[in-house]
Amino acid sequence: MTTATNPDEEAVLAAARELIARRGAAARDEAAARTAELERQARWPEHALARLEQ
């Protein structure tokens, strides 16, 4: 049996910052597109977290 774990907010932010440092503007564009899609789907908890990534 596997157990899914949810990363804490700091871990998500650290991963997002690392991705942006590696990929630059492409990562920011991808994050913005993901945030917009979450908004369209009304997935508010995920949307709020995705906004922090930008």
N, C-alpha and C. Protein backbone atom coordinates (compact mmCIF):
# COMPACT_ATOMS: atom_id res chain seq x y z
N MET A 1 0.84 -1.17 0.00
CA MET A 1 0.00 0.00 0.00
C MET A 1 0.89 1.24 0.00
N THR A 2 0.55 2.19 -0.87
CA THR A 2 1.32 3.42 -0.91
C THR A 2 0.52 4.54 -0.27
N THR A 3 1.23 5.45 0.29
CA THR A 3 0.59 6.59 0.93
C THR A 3 0.99 7.85 0.19
N ALA A 4 0.01 8.60 -0.27
CA ALA A 4 0.30 9.87 -0.94
C ALA A 4 0.55 10.93 0.11
N THR A 5 1.55 11.74 -0.14
CA THR A 5 1.81 12.84 0.78
C THR A 5 1.65 14.14 0.03
N ASN A 6 1.18 15.12 0.71
CA ASN A 6 1.05 16.45 0.13
C ASN A 6 2.23 17.28 0.60
N PRO A 7 2.98 17.84 -0.36
CA PRO A 7 4.10 18.69 0.06
C PRO A 7 3.57 19.94 0.75
N ASP A 8 4.32 20.44 1.70
CA ASP A 8 3.88 21.67 2.35
C ASP A 8 4.14 22.85 1.42
N GLU A 9 3.57 23.96 1.75
CA GLU A 9 3.64 25.16 0.92
C GLU A 9 5.08 25.58 0.64
N GLU A 10 5.93 25.51 1.64
CA GLU A 10 7.33 25.90 1.46
C GLU A 10 8.04 25.00 0.44
N ALA A 11 7.73 23.71 0.47
CA ALA A 11 8.34 22.79 -0.49
C ALA A 11 7.88 23.10 -1.91
N VAL A 12 6.62 23.43 -2.07
CA VAL A 12 6.10 23.79 -3.39
C VAL A 12 6.76 25.06 -3.89
N LEU A 13 6.85 26.05 -3.03
CA LEU A 13 7.47 27.31 -3.43
C LEU A 13 8.94 27.13 -3.78
N ALA A 14 9.66 26.31 -3.02
CA ALA A 14 11.06 26.05 -3.31
C ALA A 14 11.21 25.36 -4.67
N ALA A 15 10.35 24.40 -4.95
CA ALA A 15 10.40 23.71 -6.24
C ALA A 15 10.07 24.66 -7.38
N ALA A 16 9.10 25.53 -7.17
CA ALA A 16 8.74 26.49 -8.22
C ALA A 16 9.88 27.46 -8.48
N ARG A 17 10.51 27.93 -7.44
CA ARG A 17 11.64 28.86 -7.62
C ARG A 17 12.80 28.19 -8.36
N GLU A 18 13.05 26.92 -8.03
CA GLU A 18 14.12 26.19 -8.71
C GLU A 18 13.80 26.01 -10.19
N LEU A 19 12.55 25.68 -10.49
CA LEU A 19 12.15 25.51 -11.89
C LEU A 19 12.30 26.82 -12.65
N ILE A 20 11.88 27.93 -12.06
CA ILE A 20 12.01 29.23 -12.72
C ILE A 20 13.47 29.58 -12.94
N ALA A 21 14.31 29.28 -11.96
CA ALA A 21 15.74 29.55 -12.11
C ALA A 21 16.34 28.74 -13.26
N ARG A 22 15.87 27.52 -13.43
CA ARG A 22 16.39 26.65 -14.50
C ARG A 22 15.81 26.99 -15.87
N ARG A 23 14.51 27.29 -15.92
CA ARG A 23 13.82 27.41 -17.20
C ARG A 23 13.44 28.83 -17.57
N GLY A 24 13.59 29.79 -16.65
CA GLY A 24 13.33 31.19 -16.95
C GLY A 24 11.89 31.48 -17.32
N ALA A 25 11.75 32.31 -18.36
CA ALA A 25 10.42 32.79 -18.77
C ALA A 25 9.49 31.66 -19.14
N ALA A 26 9.99 30.58 -19.72
CA ALA A 26 9.13 29.46 -20.09
C ALA A 26 8.42 28.89 -18.87
N ALA A 27 9.12 28.80 -17.75
CA ALA A 27 8.51 28.29 -16.52
C ALA A 27 7.44 29.25 -16.01
N ARG A 28 7.72 30.54 -16.08
CA ARG A 28 6.72 31.53 -15.64
C ARG A 28 5.47 31.46 -16.52
N ASP A 29 5.67 31.31 -17.82
CA ASP A 29 4.53 31.21 -18.73
C ASP A 29 3.70 29.96 -18.45
N GLU A 30 4.39 28.85 -18.19
CA GLU A 30 3.69 27.60 -17.88
C GLU A 30 2.91 27.73 -16.57
N ALA A 31 3.51 28.36 -15.58
CA ALA A 31 2.83 28.56 -14.29
C ALA A 31 1.59 29.43 -14.46
N ALA A 32 1.70 30.47 -15.29
CA ALA A 32 0.55 31.35 -15.52
C ALA A 32 -0.58 30.60 -16.24
N ALA A 33 -0.21 29.76 -17.21
CA ALA A 33 -1.23 28.98 -17.92
C ALA A 33 -1.90 27.98 -16.98
N ARG A 34 -1.11 27.36 -16.11
CA ARG A 34 -1.67 26.40 -15.15
C ARG A 34 -2.61 27.10 -14.19
N THR A 35 -2.22 28.27 -13.73
CA THR A 35 -3.07 29.03 -12.82
C THR A 35 -4.40 29.40 -13.48
N ALA A 36 -4.33 29.83 -14.72
CA ALA A 36 -5.54 30.20 -15.45
C ALA A 36 -6.46 28.99 -15.62
N GLU A 37 -5.89 27.84 -15.92
CA GLU A 37 -6.70 26.63 -16.09
C GLU A 37 -7.36 26.23 -14.77
N LEU A 38 -6.65 26.32 -13.68
CA LEU A 38 -7.24 26.01 -12.37
C LEU A 38 -8.37 26.98 -12.05
N GLU A 39 -8.22 28.23 -12.43
CA GLU A 39 -9.29 29.21 -12.22
C GLU A 39 -10.52 28.84 -13.03
N ARG A 40 -10.32 28.48 -14.30
CA ARG A 40 -11.45 28.08 -15.16
C ARG A 40 -12.18 26.87 -14.58
N GLN A 41 -11.43 25.97 -13.94
CA GLN A 41 -12.02 24.77 -13.36
C GLN A 41 -12.57 25.01 -11.95
N ALA A 42 -12.42 26.23 -11.45
CA ALA A 42 -12.87 26.59 -10.10
C ALA A 42 -12.25 25.68 -9.04
N ARG A 43 -10.99 25.34 -9.23
CA ARG A 43 -10.24 24.52 -8.25
C ARG A 43 -9.48 25.49 -7.35
N TRP A 44 -10.22 26.10 -6.44
CA TRP A 44 -9.70 27.23 -5.68
C TRP A 44 -8.51 26.93 -4.77
N PRO A 45 -8.48 25.83 -4.03
CA PRO A 45 -7.28 25.58 -3.22
C PRO A 45 -6.01 25.46 -4.08
N GLU A 46 -6.13 24.71 -5.19
CA GLU A 46 -4.99 24.56 -6.09
C GLU A 46 -4.65 25.89 -6.76
N HIS A 47 -5.68 26.65 -7.11
CA HIS A 47 -5.47 27.95 -7.74
C HIS A 47 -4.69 28.88 -6.81
N ALA A 48 -5.09 28.92 -5.55
CA ALA A 48 -4.41 29.78 -4.59
C ALA A 48 -2.93 29.41 -4.46
N LEU A 49 -2.64 28.12 -4.42
CA LEU A 49 -1.27 27.68 -4.33
C LEU A 49 -0.50 28.00 -5.61
N ALA A 50 -1.13 27.78 -6.75
CA ALA A 50 -0.48 28.06 -8.03
C ALA A 50 -0.15 29.55 -8.16
N ARG A 51 -0.99 30.40 -7.62
CA ARG A 51 -0.71 31.84 -7.68
C ARG A 51 0.55 32.19 -6.90
N LEU A 52 0.81 31.45 -5.85
CA LEU A 52 2.03 31.69 -5.07
C LEU A 52 3.27 31.34 -5.88
N GLU A 53 3.13 30.43 -6.83
CA GLU A 53 4.25 29.98 -7.64
C GLU A 53 4.70 31.04 -8.65
N GLN A 54 3.84 31.97 -8.95
CA GLN A 54 4.16 32.94 -10.00
C GLN A 54 5.04 34.03 -9.52
